[in-house]
Amino acid sequence: MAENIWSEQKQCHLIDSMFRNIHVPALVFTVDVDQEGNETRTCVDGKQRLMALCNFMNGHIPYVDPTTHEKLWYKTDEEEPHRKLLAEKFQRRFAIKQLPCVEYQDICAADEIMMFERLQSGTSISYAEKLQLTTSPRATLVRELVQEYMTATNWLADNCSNWDAARGGPFKCVAQMLYHIETYPAPDRIVTSFELERWLRADQHPSPTFHAYVTETFRNLRNLGAHDMLRARLVSQKWSLAELVVVVLAVAVFGRRMHLEDVVDVVRDMRQRGVGKEGAQIGTMLQVIKNVDTRVSDVHAGLEEMAPVRAAHTTRVTSRPRRGLGGSAPRRIIPPDCLIPSAGHTVVPATLTVPPEGNALDDVHQDSHAGGTQPRQDLAPLSLVVPCAPSLSEAPSAREASPQLRWSPDTVPSTLTDLLPHAVAQEQTVCLAVQEASTRFNSSLMAMIKGTLGDTGPPRWANGDYEGQLGFVMAPPSLSDATIERTVCIELVKPGPNQELQVAVPTEYLALLKPKQKSKAIALSGQHKGTLLTVLEQSDDGRWICRSSSGESLMLPEEHLGLCLDRQVQ
């Protein structure tokens, strides 16, 4: 009897392959015929496969269910009478299975030895190579993408720790990518070999929409590889094959709704959050994608509600050199569909804290059936619709055109210059929230604020009134300290020693989503999430030249600079 070299696990894998009709290599025999016509077969290649079959059918090893991991036996054993047996129909089905065999007759001993050495020196076919032989509509799409894009995106292979281009690695990897893109957001782990093979062999044609979607994804990957700075930010260390699949999934999920720079930020944050063993790391990375996707969807849902008033005006400006990069950031124009417009009115969120008993800015909605006005009973976050016209003379028509909110008469602040006296008239304190105790704000903005409020006396400081920050309070001397609870907050963030003015601006203006904000920018629930802008200088036409935290440059009207309202109960 031949020596049993294979482990029990490897033998069980062979039995599982036969039950699932996975190809098993042919058994090779030499045949000797004696004078009486009796045949004797000698196994040249496949002894361990034959041993595994005998062990299974004799009850020495079980069949292990790949889903439940339950052990099922072909026959009982006296020492283990309580074994769970395979159903009879599966026993019969296994008993009649056939394996390919190759027989050689009338060969000498030297030829038999040569044949054995050549067969044993060959390398067995890998799983990826077997997968590559699949013929199906999905397999055809995978081959097309590998042929068209993987040669152009070989930077992926260069930065993958276990890429096997010579043995079907690209085909298997792209197939995994397409599986996760098509089934997103269902899997919370990397697809198993069995799931991938079943999905790939299915006789189902990819839809034209899916075909265009994955083609665009791989085009984005090619663009990332062509951009040296983005590629360097994306690949801080080599990926595993599983990480690479998740990275491509992130590009697919966010490629149409974010700039590639922001997709890179999501991927970097995703990898930083993945800790522990690879399985746990991949699960965490997939969960980060789903969480960010939910936040992006919230933003875009809000944009869809404002579709009747969407338009965009962008201007290309040159960015100042970014610190630490030794040069200027690439200039980029925000796509027209990424900006909330200045074609009448727009939404600018912020924070307004009001006492429970009421406020002059209580919004109302019209009851067209009752013919009257009813106050809202809930105090959910609201947005102030402010006109974005070049001059205030156009503001009334914009104010009346708002389809989202209706306000009490004569209580709609329009721009910053209109808001401040309105707040004073309502006995509200104006709080400029900053991260450090400094009053060195932009001189023109400070002059405008002081000119609007008049002589307010020395500034007062309030601690913890706005997200735990110190607040530089400018208020009429007649107001007592108790009125600090009624505060209109304008966030002017000043991190670092450079003393540049930074203003929190709604994400809707930029279509930027920052999943990890170290600065205290506005981050409200729902569709209103802020990004951080650095205001560099004011242009001749009164607009402000700004730079976002991702380095892009744009020009915004003054009324866009962090003027936000949001009601909540203390």
Protein backbone atom coordinates (compact mmCIF):
# COMPACT_ATOMS: atom_id res chain seq x y z
CA MET A 1 0.00 0.00 0.00
CA ALA A 2 1.27 3.47 -0.87
CA GLU A 3 2.29 5.82 1.91
CA ASN A 4 -0.30 8.44 2.83
CA ILE A 5 1.49 11.78 2.35
CA TRP A 6 -1.44 14.18 2.11
CA SER A 7 -2.88 15.67 5.29
CA GLU A 8 -6.49 14.90 6.20
CA GLN A 9 -7.49 18.47 5.31
CA LYS A 10 -6.03 18.17 1.82
CA GLN A 11 -7.78 14.84 1.30
CA CYS A 12 -11.09 16.41 2.40
CA HIS A 13 -10.56 19.22 -0.10
CA LEU A 14 -10.29 16.66 -2.89
CA ILE A 15 -13.58 15.04 -1.84
CA ASP A 16 -15.22 18.48 -1.76
CA SER A 17 -13.89 19.23 -5.25
CA MET A 18 -15.42 16.04 -6.60
CA PHE A 19 -18.81 16.78 -5.03
CA ARG A 20 -18.73 20.24 -6.62
CA ASN A 21 -17.55 18.92 -9.99
CA ILE A 22 -14.31 20.87 -9.86
CA HIS A 23 -11.75 19.53 -12.30
CA VAL A 24 -9.42 16.87 -10.87
CA PRO A 25 -6.28 16.15 -12.93
CA ALA A 26 -6.11 12.83 -14.75
CA LEU A 27 -4.69 9.71 -13.16
CA VAL A 28 -1.81 8.18 -15.14
CA PHE A 29 -1.30 4.40 -15.32
CA THR A 30 0.99 1.96 -17.10
CA VAL A 31 -0.66 -1.30 -18.16
CA ASP A 32 1.11 -4.66 -18.25
CA VAL A 33 -0.55 -7.70 -19.87
CA ASP A 34 0.66 -11.20 -19.00
CA GLN A 35 0.52 -14.29 -21.22
CA GLU A 36 -2.96 -15.18 -20.04
CA GLY A 37 -4.30 -11.71 -20.88
CA ASN A 38 -4.58 -10.44 -17.34
CA GLU A 39 -3.92 -6.71 -16.98
CA THR A 40 -1.95 -5.09 -14.18
CA ARG A 41 -2.11 -1.31 -13.78
CA THR A 42 0.58 0.70 -12.03
CA CYS A 43 -0.21 4.26 -10.97
CA VAL A 44 2.48 6.62 -12.20
CA ASP A 45 0.76 9.88 -11.17
CA GLY A 46 -2.20 10.27 -8.78
CA LYS A 47 -1.41 7.92 -5.90
CA GLN A 48 -2.39 10.47 -3.25
CA ARG A 49 -5.70 11.16 -5.00
CA LEU A 50 -6.48 7.45 -5.06
CA MET A 51 -5.52 7.18 -1.37
CA ALA A 52 -7.90 10.03 -0.50
CA LEU A 53 -10.76 8.34 -2.39
CA CYS A 54 -10.14 5.03 -0.64
CA ASN A 55 -9.92 6.68 2.78
CA PHE A 56 -13.23 8.49 2.22
CA MET A 57 -15.15 5.47 0.93
CA ASN A 58 -13.72 3.29 3.72
CA GLY A 59 -14.83 5.75 6.40
CA HIS A 60 -11.40 7.03 7.43
CA ILE A 61 -11.98 10.69 6.49
CA PRO A 62 -15.23 12.70 6.30
CA TYR A 63 -16.75 15.07 3.81
CA VAL A 64 -16.74 18.57 5.38
CA ASP A 65 -19.64 20.81 4.38
CA PRO A 66 -18.07 24.13 3.21
CA THR A 67 -20.97 26.18 4.62
CA THR A 68 -21.76 24.57 7.97
CA HIS A 69 -18.39 22.81 8.44
CA GLU A 70 -20.35 19.73 9.47
CA LYS A 71 -18.60 16.35 9.05
CA LEU A 72 -20.53 13.79 7.01
CA TRP A 73 -19.29 10.23 6.55
CA TYR A 74 -19.58 7.75 3.70
CA LYS A 75 -19.92 4.75 6.02
CA THR A 76 -20.21 3.95 9.71
CA ASP A 77 -17.46 2.79 12.02
CA GLU A 78 -17.66 0.41 14.96
CA GLU A 79 -15.61 2.74 17.15
CA GLU A 80 -17.82 5.73 16.25
CA PRO A 81 -21.36 4.39 15.84
CA HIS A 82 -22.96 7.85 16.15
CA ARG A 83 -21.44 9.31 13.00
CA LYS A 84 -23.71 11.34 10.76
CA LEU A 85 -23.80 9.75 7.33
CA LEU A 86 -24.24 11.31 3.94
CA ALA A 87 -27.71 10.94 2.49
CA GLU A 88 -27.99 7.80 0.36
CA LYS A 89 -28.57 9.75 -2.83
CA PHE A 90 -25.27 11.59 -2.33
CA GLN A 91 -23.49 8.31 -1.59
CA ARG A 92 -24.82 6.82 -4.84
CA ARG A 93 -23.94 9.97 -6.75
CA PHE A 94 -20.38 9.89 -5.46
CA ALA A 95 -19.99 6.17 -6.15
CA ILE A 96 -20.68 6.60 -9.88
CA LYS A 97 -18.46 9.65 -10.38
CA GLN A 98 -15.73 9.20 -12.98
CA LEU A 99 -12.19 10.49 -13.05
CA PRO A 100 -10.13 10.96 -16.22
CA CYS A 101 -7.45 8.32 -16.62
CA VAL A 102 -4.53 7.99 -19.05
CA GLU A 103 -3.05 4.54 -19.72
CA TYR A 104 0.24 3.59 -21.38
CA GLN A 105 0.87 0.03 -22.56
CA ASP A 106 4.07 -1.80 -23.37
CA ILE A 107 6.56 0.73 -22.08
CA CYS A 108 9.88 -0.19 -20.56
CA ALA A 109 11.00 0.56 -17.02
CA ALA A 110 13.27 3.41 -18.16
CA ASP A 111 10.38 5.13 -19.96
CA GLU A 112 8.18 4.67 -16.90
CA ILE A 113 10.80 6.35 -14.68
CA MET A 114 11.22 9.22 -17.17
CA MET A 115 7.42 9.72 -17.32
CA PHE A 116 7.16 9.77 -13.53
CA GLU A 117 9.94 12.36 -13.18
CA ARG A 118 8.43 14.65 -15.79
CA LEU A 119 4.95 14.47 -14.29
CA GLN A 120 6.19 15.10 -10.76
CA SER A 121 8.44 18.00 -11.79
CA GLY A 122 5.55 19.92 -13.37
CA THR A 123 3.79 22.70 -11.45
CA SER A 124 0.13 22.13 -10.68
CA ILE A 125 -2.36 24.60 -12.10
CA SER A 126 -3.32 27.37 -9.67
CA TYR A 127 -6.86 28.34 -8.66
CA ALA A 128 -6.53 31.66 -10.49
CA GLU A 129 -5.47 29.84 -13.68
CA LYS A 130 -8.48 27.53 -13.41
CA LEU A 131 -10.72 30.54 -12.89
CA GLN A 132 -9.24 32.17 -15.97
CA LEU A 133 -10.50 29.28 -18.11
CA THR A 134 -14.12 30.11 -17.26
CA THR A 135 -16.36 30.91 -20.23
CA SER A 136 -19.29 33.15 -19.31
CA PRO A 137 -20.51 36.72 -20.02
CA ARG A 138 -19.01 37.97 -16.76
CA ALA A 139 -15.69 36.26 -17.46
CA THR A 140 -15.64 37.96 -20.86
CA LEU A 141 -16.08 41.37 -19.20
CA VAL A 142 -13.27 40.57 -16.76
CA ARG A 143 -10.95 39.65 -19.62
CA GLU A 144 -11.83 42.87 -21.46
CA LEU A 145 -10.97 45.00 -18.43
CA VAL A 146 -7.73 43.11 -17.80
CA GLN A 147 -6.73 43.50 -21.44
CA GLU A 148 -7.62 47.19 -21.73
CA TYR A 149 -6.77 48.65 -18.33
CA MET A 150 -4.48 46.45 -16.26
CA THR A 151 -1.49 47.03 -18.52
CA ALA A 152 -2.08 50.78 -18.26
CA THR A 153 -2.57 50.56 -14.48
CA ASN A 154 0.41 48.37 -13.68
CA TRP A 155 1.11 50.72 -10.78
CA LEU A 156 -1.48 48.62 -8.93
CA ALA A 157 0.62 45.48 -9.42
CA ASP A 158 3.78 47.32 -8.38
CA ASN A 159 2.18 48.31 -5.08
CA CYS A 160 0.52 44.96 -4.29
CA SER A 161 2.47 42.59 -2.07
CA ASN A 162 1.10 39.32 -3.51
CA TRP A 163 0.28 40.10 -7.14
CA ASP A 164 0.83 37.02 -9.37
CA ALA A 165 0.64 38.28 -12.95
CA ALA A 166 2.11 35.10 -14.47
CA ARG A 167 -0.47 32.69 -13.08
CA GLY A 168 -3.86 34.32 -13.54
CA GLY A 169 -3.55 36.85 -10.71
CA PRO A 170 -4.94 39.86 -12.64
CA PHE A 171 -7.99 37.91 -13.81
CA LYS A 172 -8.84 36.69 -10.32
CA CYS A 173 -8.28 40.13 -8.76
CA VAL A 174 -10.44 41.97 -11.32
CA ALA A 175 -13.15 39.31 -10.93
CA GLN A 176 -13.17 39.95 -7.16
CA MET A 177 -13.38 43.70 -7.78
CA LEU A 178 -16.37 43.31 -10.09
CA TYR A 179 -18.09 40.94 -7.65
CA HIS A 180 -17.87 43.47 -4.82
CA ILE A 181 -18.91 46.38 -7.05
CA GLU A 182 -21.98 44.50 -8.29
CA THR A 183 -23.03 43.15 -4.88
CA TYR A 184 -22.25 46.32 -2.87
CA PRO A 185 -23.18 46.98 -0.08
CA ALA A 186 -24.07 43.36 0.81
CA PRO A 187 -20.72 41.66 1.61
CA ASP A 188 -18.94 42.55 4.84
CA ARG A 189 -15.90 40.44 3.93
CA ILE A 190 -13.87 39.47 0.89
CA VAL A 191 -15.67 37.04 -1.42
CA THR A 192 -14.77 33.38 -0.94
CA SER A 193 -13.43 31.21 -3.76
CA PHE A 194 -16.67 29.24 -3.96
CA GLU A 195 -18.82 32.40 -4.13
CA LEU A 196 -16.57 33.97 -6.75
CA GLU A 197 -16.57 30.87 -8.94
CA ARG A 198 -20.34 30.49 -8.75
CA TRP A 199 -20.87 34.19 -9.56
CA LEU A 200 -18.41 34.10 -12.45
CA ARG A 201 -19.85 30.94 -14.04
CA ALA A 202 -23.45 32.18 -13.93
CA ASP A 203 -24.99 32.63 -17.36
CA GLN A 204 -25.97 36.24 -16.71
CA HIS A 205 -25.00 39.12 -18.98
CA PRO A 206 -23.78 42.32 -17.25
CA SER A 207 -26.15 45.21 -17.89
CA PRO A 208 -24.95 48.12 -20.07
CA THR A 209 -25.16 50.37 -17.00
CA PHE A 210 -22.90 48.08 -14.98
CA HIS A 211 -20.50 47.75 -17.92
CA ALA A 212 -20.21 51.54 -18.18
CA TYR A 213 -19.89 51.88 -14.40
CA VAL A 214 -16.93 49.51 -14.03
CA THR A 215 -15.28 50.90 -17.16
CA GLU A 216 -15.44 54.38 -15.63
CA THR A 217 -13.99 53.00 -12.38
CA PHE A 218 -10.95 51.55 -14.13
CA ARG A 219 -10.55 54.77 -16.09
CA ASN A 220 -10.40 56.62 -12.76
CA LEU A 221 -7.76 54.15 -11.57
CA ARG A 222 -5.71 54.89 -14.66
CA ASN A 223 -6.03 58.63 -13.99
CA LEU A 224 -4.90 58.14 -10.40
CA GLY A 225 -1.85 56.24 -11.58
CA ALA A 226 -0.93 59.04 -13.98
CA HIS A 227 -0.99 61.66 -11.19
CA ASP A 228 2.27 61.38 -9.24
CA MET A 229 1.11 63.34 -6.18
CA LEU A 230 -2.18 61.49 -5.81
CA ARG A 231 -0.52 58.13 -6.35
CA ALA A 232 2.06 58.89 -3.68
CA ARG A 233 -0.68 59.90 -1.21
CA LEU A 234 -2.72 56.82 -2.03
CA VAL A 235 0.06 54.26 -1.71
CA SER A 236 1.81 54.93 1.58
CA GLN A 237 2.65 51.22 1.89
CA LYS A 238 2.08 48.11 -0.18
CA TRP A 239 -1.43 46.65 -0.28
CA SER A 240 -2.44 43.08 0.18
CA LEU A 241 -4.58 41.64 -2.60
CA ALA A 242 -7.69 41.91 -0.40
CA GLU A 243 -6.92 45.56 0.42
CA LEU A 244 -6.52 46.33 -3.27
CA VAL A 245 -9.99 44.94 -3.96
CA VAL A 246 -11.49 47.19 -1.27
CA VAL A 247 -9.57 50.23 -2.56
CA VAL A 248 -11.02 49.73 -6.04
CA LEU A 249 -14.47 49.34 -4.49
CA ALA A 250 -14.03 52.75 -2.82
CA VAL A 251 -13.07 54.31 -6.17
CA ALA A 252 -16.18 52.76 -7.72
CA VAL A 253 -18.53 53.92 -4.94
CA PHE A 254 -17.28 57.52 -4.75
CA GLY A 255 -15.77 58.10 -8.19
CA ARG A 256 -18.88 59.79 -9.58
CA ARG A 257 -19.67 61.89 -6.51
CA MET A 258 -16.25 63.09 -5.33
CA HIS A 259 -13.13 64.54 -6.80
CA LEU A 260 -10.36 61.95 -7.02
CA GLU A 261 -8.40 63.90 -4.39
CA ASP A 262 -11.22 63.31 -1.92
CA VAL A 263 -11.50 59.64 -2.86
CA VAL A 264 -7.81 59.34 -2.00
CA ASP A 265 -8.52 60.91 1.42
CA VAL A 266 -11.27 58.36 2.05
CA VAL A 267 -8.95 55.49 1.12
CA ARG A 268 -6.18 56.78 3.37
CA ASP A 269 -8.57 57.15 6.28
CA MET A 270 -10.03 53.73 5.54
CA ARG A 271 -6.62 52.04 5.73
CA GLN A 272 -5.73 53.86 8.94
CA ARG A 273 -8.90 52.62 10.61
CA GLY A 274 -8.30 49.02 9.59
CA VAL A 275 -6.42 47.35 12.45
CA GLY A 276 -5.75 43.82 13.63
CA LYS A 277 -5.68 40.72 11.48
CA GLU A 278 -6.36 41.02 7.77
CA GLY A 279 -9.92 39.67 8.05
CA ALA A 280 -10.87 42.23 10.71
CA GLN A 281 -9.02 44.94 8.80
CA ILE A 282 -10.92 44.27 5.59
CA GLY A 283 -14.23 44.26 7.47
CA THR A 284 -13.40 47.64 9.00
CA MET A 285 -12.42 49.08 5.63
CA LEU A 286 -15.68 47.91 4.06
CA GLN A 287 -17.64 49.45 6.95
CA VAL A 288 -15.85 52.79 6.48
CA ILE A 289 -16.93 52.81 2.83
CA LYS A 290 -20.55 52.20 3.83
CA ASN A 291 -20.47 54.91 6.52
CA VAL A 292 -18.98 57.53 4.20
CA ASP A 293 -21.37 56.47 1.43
CA THR A 294 -24.30 57.13 3.77
CA ARG A 295 -23.00 60.63 4.53
CA VAL A 296 -22.43 61.41 0.86
CA SER A 297 -25.91 60.15 0.03
CA ASP A 298 -27.36 62.48 2.68
CA VAL A 299 -25.62 65.43 1.04
CA HIS A 300 -26.75 64.51 -2.44
CA ALA A 301 -30.30 63.89 -1.26
CA GLY A 302 -30.35 67.49 -0.07
CA LEU A 303 -28.97 68.65 -3.40
CA GLU A 304 -31.69 66.83 -5.29
CA GLU A 305 -34.33 68.63 -3.24
CA MET A 306 -32.84 71.93 -4.40
CA ALA A 307 -32.72 70.93 -8.09
CA PRO A 308 -34.98 73.81 -9.27
CA VAL A 309 -32.50 76.40 -8.03
CA ARG A 310 -29.19 74.73 -8.88
CA ALA A 311 -26.66 76.50 -11.05
CA ALA A 312 -22.99 77.31 -10.67
CA HIS A 313 -20.51 80.07 -11.25
CA THR A 314 -16.85 79.17 -10.88
CA THR A 315 -13.66 81.06 -11.50
CA ARG A 316 -10.18 79.67 -11.99
CA VAL A 317 -7.66 81.33 -9.72
CA THR A 318 -4.06 80.53 -8.92
CA SER A 319 -3.50 78.99 -5.51
CA ARG A 320 -0.76 80.19 -3.23
CA PRO A 321 2.08 77.68 -2.63
CA ARG A 322 1.04 75.02 -0.16
CA ARG A 323 3.31 74.64 2.82
CA GLY A 324 5.58 71.62 2.68
CA LEU A 325 4.97 70.79 -1.00
CA GLY A 326 7.53 73.13 -2.51
CA GLY A 327 5.17 74.48 -5.15
CA SER A 328 1.67 75.51 -5.95
CA ALA A 329 -1.25 73.14 -5.73
CA PRO A 330 -2.79 72.05 -9.03
CA ARG A 331 -5.42 74.48 -10.27
CA ARG A 332 -8.85 72.98 -10.66
CA ILE A 333 -12.28 74.23 -11.62
CA ILE A 334 -15.15 72.82 -9.63
CA PRO A 335 -17.59 71.11 -12.01
CA PRO A 336 -20.84 73.08 -12.50
CA ASP A 337 -22.97 70.40 -10.85
CA CYS A 338 -20.82 70.44 -7.72
CA LEU A 339 -21.75 73.93 -6.53
CA ILE A 340 -24.90 75.22 -4.99
CA PRO A 341 -25.74 78.24 -7.00
CA SER A 342 -25.77 81.95 -6.84
CA ALA A 343 -28.77 82.18 -9.14
CA GLY A 344 -31.25 83.62 -6.68
CA HIS A 345 -30.81 81.93 -3.33
CA THR A 346 -28.91 79.20 -1.58
CA VAL A 347 -28.68 77.37 1.71
CA VAL A 348 -26.03 78.29 4.24
CA PRO A 349 -26.13 76.34 7.52
CA ALA A 350 -24.78 77.54 10.94
CA THR A 351 -25.63 77.51 14.63
CA LEU A 352 -28.28 79.58 16.40
CA THR A 353 -29.03 78.68 19.99
CA VAL A 354 -32.45 79.80 21.23
CA PRO A 355 -34.23 79.42 24.57
CA PRO A 356 -37.13 76.94 24.70
CA GLU A 357 -39.77 79.64 25.07
CA GLY A 358 -39.40 80.87 21.50
CA ASN A 359 -37.50 83.10 19.16
CA ALA A 360 -38.24 85.82 16.64
CA LEU A 361 -36.84 83.59 13.89
CA ASP A 362 -39.35 80.81 14.47
CA ASP A 363 -40.18 79.50 11.05
CA VAL A 364 -43.71 78.87 9.94
CA HIS A 365 -45.25 76.92 7.14
CA GLN A 366 -48.33 77.87 5.21
CA ASP A 367 -51.35 75.64 5.42
CA SER A 368 -52.90 76.16 2.01
CA HIS A 369 -56.05 74.28 2.95
CA ALA A 370 -56.70 76.06 6.23
CA GLY A 371 -55.81 79.42 4.72
CA GLY A 372 -53.63 80.39 7.67
CA THR A 373 -50.19 80.14 9.14
CA GLN A 374 -49.26 77.47 11.66
CA PRO A 375 -46.09 77.47 13.75
CA ARG A 376 -43.88 74.39 13.62
CA GLN A 377 -44.10 72.24 16.73
CA ASP A 378 -40.77 70.47 16.26
CA LEU A 379 -37.38 72.11 16.59
CA ALA A 380 -35.48 70.08 13.99
CA PRO A 381 -32.44 71.66 12.32
CA LEU A 382 -33.48 74.30 9.78
CA SER A 383 -31.61 76.11 7.07
CA LEU A 384 -31.67 79.80 6.35
CA VAL A 385 -32.27 80.60 2.68
CA VAL A 386 -30.25 83.71 1.89
CA PRO A 387 -30.02 85.59 -1.41
CA CYS A 388 -26.79 85.26 -3.34
CA ALA A 389 -27.38 88.11 -5.77
CA PRO A 390 -24.51 90.51 -6.51
CA SER A 391 -26.41 93.32 -4.83
CA LEU A 392 -28.92 93.48 -2.01
CA SER A 393 -31.42 95.13 -4.30
CA GLU A 394 -32.09 91.75 -5.89
CA ALA A 395 -32.57 90.01 -2.56
CA PRO A 396 -36.37 90.38 -2.10
CA SER A 397 -37.25 88.40 -5.23
CA ALA A 398 -34.83 85.69 -4.22
CA ARG A 399 -36.27 85.68 -0.75
CA GLU A 400 -39.78 85.19 -2.06
CA ALA A 401 -38.71 82.44 -4.47
CA SER A 402 -37.63 79.98 -1.79
CA PRO A 403 -39.51 76.69 -2.22
CA GLN A 404 -38.02 75.11 0.90
CA LEU A 405 -38.81 77.32 3.89
CA ARG A 406 -41.20 80.11 4.82
CA TRP A 407 -40.29 82.59 7.51
CA SER A 408 -42.21 85.04 9.62
CA PRO A 409 -42.56 88.44 7.96
CA ASP A 410 -39.64 90.84 8.32
CA THR A 411 -37.41 88.29 10.08
CA VAL A 412 -35.26 87.02 7.23
CA PRO A 413 -31.62 88.09 7.55
CA SER A 414 -29.99 88.23 4.13
CA THR A 415 -26.24 88.79 4.29
CA LEU A 416 -23.71 89.28 7.03
CA THR A 417 -24.22 93.03 7.06
CA ASP A 418 -27.98 92.47 7.41
CA LEU A 419 -27.69 89.77 10.05
CA LEU A 420 -25.67 91.66 12.64
CA PRO A 421 -28.02 94.61 13.21
CA HIS A 422 -30.93 92.18 13.06
CA ALA A 423 -29.32 90.15 15.85
CA VAL A 424 -28.75 93.28 17.92
CA ALA A 425 -32.35 94.36 17.39
CA GLN A 426 -33.50 90.98 18.68
CA GLU A 427 -31.19 91.37 21.72
CA GLN A 428 -28.94 88.58 20.58
CA THR A 429 -25.21 88.44 21.15
CA VAL A 430 -22.87 88.10 18.19
CA CYS A 431 -20.22 85.49 18.96
CA LEU A 432 -17.17 85.04 16.74
CA ALA A 433 -16.06 81.55 17.75
CA VAL A 434 -12.33 80.94 17.48
CA GLN A 435 -9.96 78.17 18.49
CA GLU A 436 -7.55 80.45 20.27
CA ALA A 437 -7.76 83.68 22.24
CA SER A 438 -6.85 86.00 19.40
CA THR A 439 -8.61 88.97 17.86
CA ARG A 440 -6.34 89.24 14.84
CA PHE A 441 -9.02 88.53 12.28
CA ASN A 442 -9.08 89.81 8.74
CA SER A 443 -9.03 93.58 9.04
CA SER A 444 -11.71 94.34 6.45
CA LEU A 445 -14.13 91.82 7.94
CA MET A 446 -13.53 93.15 11.46
CA ALA A 447 -14.06 96.72 10.25
CA MET A 448 -17.35 95.72 8.67
CA ILE A 449 -18.53 94.01 11.85
CA LYS A 450 -17.55 96.92 14.08
CA GLY A 451 -19.10 99.39 11.65
CA THR A 452 -22.35 97.46 11.72
CA LEU A 453 -22.57 97.10 15.49
CA GLY A 454 -21.24 100.53 16.32
CA ASP A 455 -19.42 101.23 19.58
CA THR A 456 -19.94 98.05 21.55
CA GLY A 457 -17.27 98.68 24.13
CA PRO A 458 -14.54 96.20 25.05
CA PRO A 459 -15.02 92.62 23.83
CA ARG A 460 -16.10 89.96 26.27
CA TRP A 461 -15.13 86.30 26.30
CA ALA A 462 -17.43 83.35 26.72
CA ASN A 463 -16.18 79.82 27.30
CA GLY A 464 -17.94 76.75 25.92
CA ASP A 465 -20.82 78.47 24.16
CA TYR A 466 -19.93 77.15 20.73
CA GLU A 467 -18.71 73.54 20.62
CA GLY A 468 -16.44 74.14 23.59
CA GLN A 469 -14.48 76.93 21.90
CA LEU A 470 -13.61 80.33 23.27
CA GLY A 471 -15.90 82.94 21.82
CA PHE A 472 -14.98 86.53 21.05
CA VAL A 473 -18.26 88.24 21.90
CA MET A 474 -19.25 91.58 20.42
CA ALA A 475 -22.49 92.86 21.91
CA PRO A 476 -24.14 96.17 22.77
CA PRO A 477 -23.20 97.30 26.30
CA SER A 478 -26.87 97.32 27.27
CA LEU A 479 -27.09 93.53 27.01
CA SER A 480 -26.46 91.59 30.19
CA ASP A 481 -24.35 88.46 30.48
CA ALA A 482 -27.54 86.40 30.65
CA THR A 483 -28.22 87.12 26.99
CA ILE A 484 -25.17 85.08 26.07
CA GLU A 485 -27.57 82.14 25.73
CA ARG A 486 -29.08 83.81 22.67
CA THR A 487 -26.09 83.78 20.39
CA VAL A 488 -25.57 84.08 16.67
CA CYS A 489 -22.29 82.27 16.05
CA ILE A 490 -20.07 83.01 13.08
CA GLU A 491 -17.24 80.52 13.06
CA LEU A 492 -13.84 81.98 12.23
CA VAL A 493 -11.34 79.17 12.82
CA LYS A 494 -7.69 80.10 13.30
CA PRO A 495 -5.45 77.00 13.71
CA GLY A 496 -1.70 77.46 13.82
CA PRO A 497 0.52 80.51 14.02
CA ASN A 498 -0.08 81.78 10.49
CA GLN A 499 -3.16 83.73 11.60
CA GLU A 500 -4.97 83.22 8.29
CA LEU A 501 -8.71 83.65 8.41
CA GLN A 502 -10.56 80.36 8.00
CA VAL A 503 -14.30 80.09 7.61
CA ALA A 504 -16.56 77.05 7.80
CA VAL A 505 -18.58 76.83 4.59
CA PRO A 506 -21.31 74.30 3.73
CA THR A 507 -20.24 71.23 1.83
CA GLU A 508 -22.91 71.83 -0.79
CA TYR A 509 -20.80 74.63 -2.26
CA LEU A 510 -17.86 72.36 -2.94
CA ALA A 511 -19.20 68.79 -3.03
CA LEU A 512 -16.34 67.84 -0.72
CA LEU A 513 -16.83 65.33 2.05
CA LYS A 514 -14.11 65.07 4.65
CA PRO A 515 -14.66 61.94 6.74
CA LYS A 516 -12.03 63.01 9.23
CA GLN A 517 -11.92 66.69 10.17
CA LYS A 518 -9.24 67.64 12.66
CA SER A 519 -10.40 71.26 12.62
CA LYS A 520 -13.62 72.29 14.26
CA ALA A 521 -15.50 73.06 11.10
CA ILE A 522 -19.26 72.94 11.00
CA ALA A 523 -20.46 69.33 10.85
CA LEU A 524 -24.22 69.18 11.20
CA SER A 525 -26.52 66.21 10.75
CA GLY A 526 -28.28 65.43 7.51
CA GLN A 527 -27.37 67.26 4.35
CA HIS A 528 -25.44 70.11 5.97
CA LYS A 529 -21.82 69.19 6.55
CA GLY A 530 -19.06 71.74 6.46
CA THR A 531 -15.63 71.86 4.93
CA LEU A 532 -12.80 74.18 5.89
CA LEU A 533 -11.76 77.11 3.70
CA THR A 534 -8.78 79.38 4.15
CA VAL A 535 -9.62 82.91 3.05
CA LEU A 536 -6.50 84.29 1.41
CA GLU A 537 -7.49 87.76 0.30
CA GLN A 538 -10.31 89.87 -1.08
CA SER A 539 -10.41 90.51 -4.82
CA ASP A 540 -11.14 93.83 -6.51
CA ASP A 541 -14.75 92.85 -7.22
CA GLY A 542 -15.45 92.17 -3.52
CA ARG A 543 -15.31 88.40 -3.68
CA TRP A 544 -12.96 86.37 -1.51
CA ILE A 545 -10.18 84.17 -2.88
CA CYS A 546 -10.32 80.95 -0.87
CA ARG A 547 -8.46 77.66 -0.68
CA SER A 548 -10.08 74.46 0.53
CA SER A 549 -8.36 71.95 2.77
CA SER A 550 -7.77 69.77 -0.31
CA GLY A 551 -5.87 72.57 -2.03
CA GLU A 552 -8.33 73.72 -4.68
CA SER A 553 -8.85 77.43 -5.22
CA LEU A 554 -12.07 79.28 -5.87
CA MET A 555 -13.74 82.64 -5.39
CA LEU A 556 -16.81 83.02 -3.20
CA PRO A 557 -19.17 85.93 -2.60
CA GLU A 558 -18.96 87.49 0.84
CA GLU A 559 -22.34 86.12 1.88
CA HIS A 560 -21.07 82.56 1.49
CA LEU A 561 -18.44 82.92 4.19
CA GLY A 562 -19.71 80.77 6.99
CA LEU A 563 -23.00 82.54 7.59
CA CYS A 564 -25.16 79.73 8.89
CA LEU A 565 -28.22 79.20 11.02
CA ASP A 566 -29.46 76.05 12.70
CA ARG A 567 -32.04 75.94 15.50
CA GLN A 568 -31.79 73.55 18.38
CA VAL A 569 -33.04 73.27 21.96
CA GLN A 570 -30.56 73.71 24.80
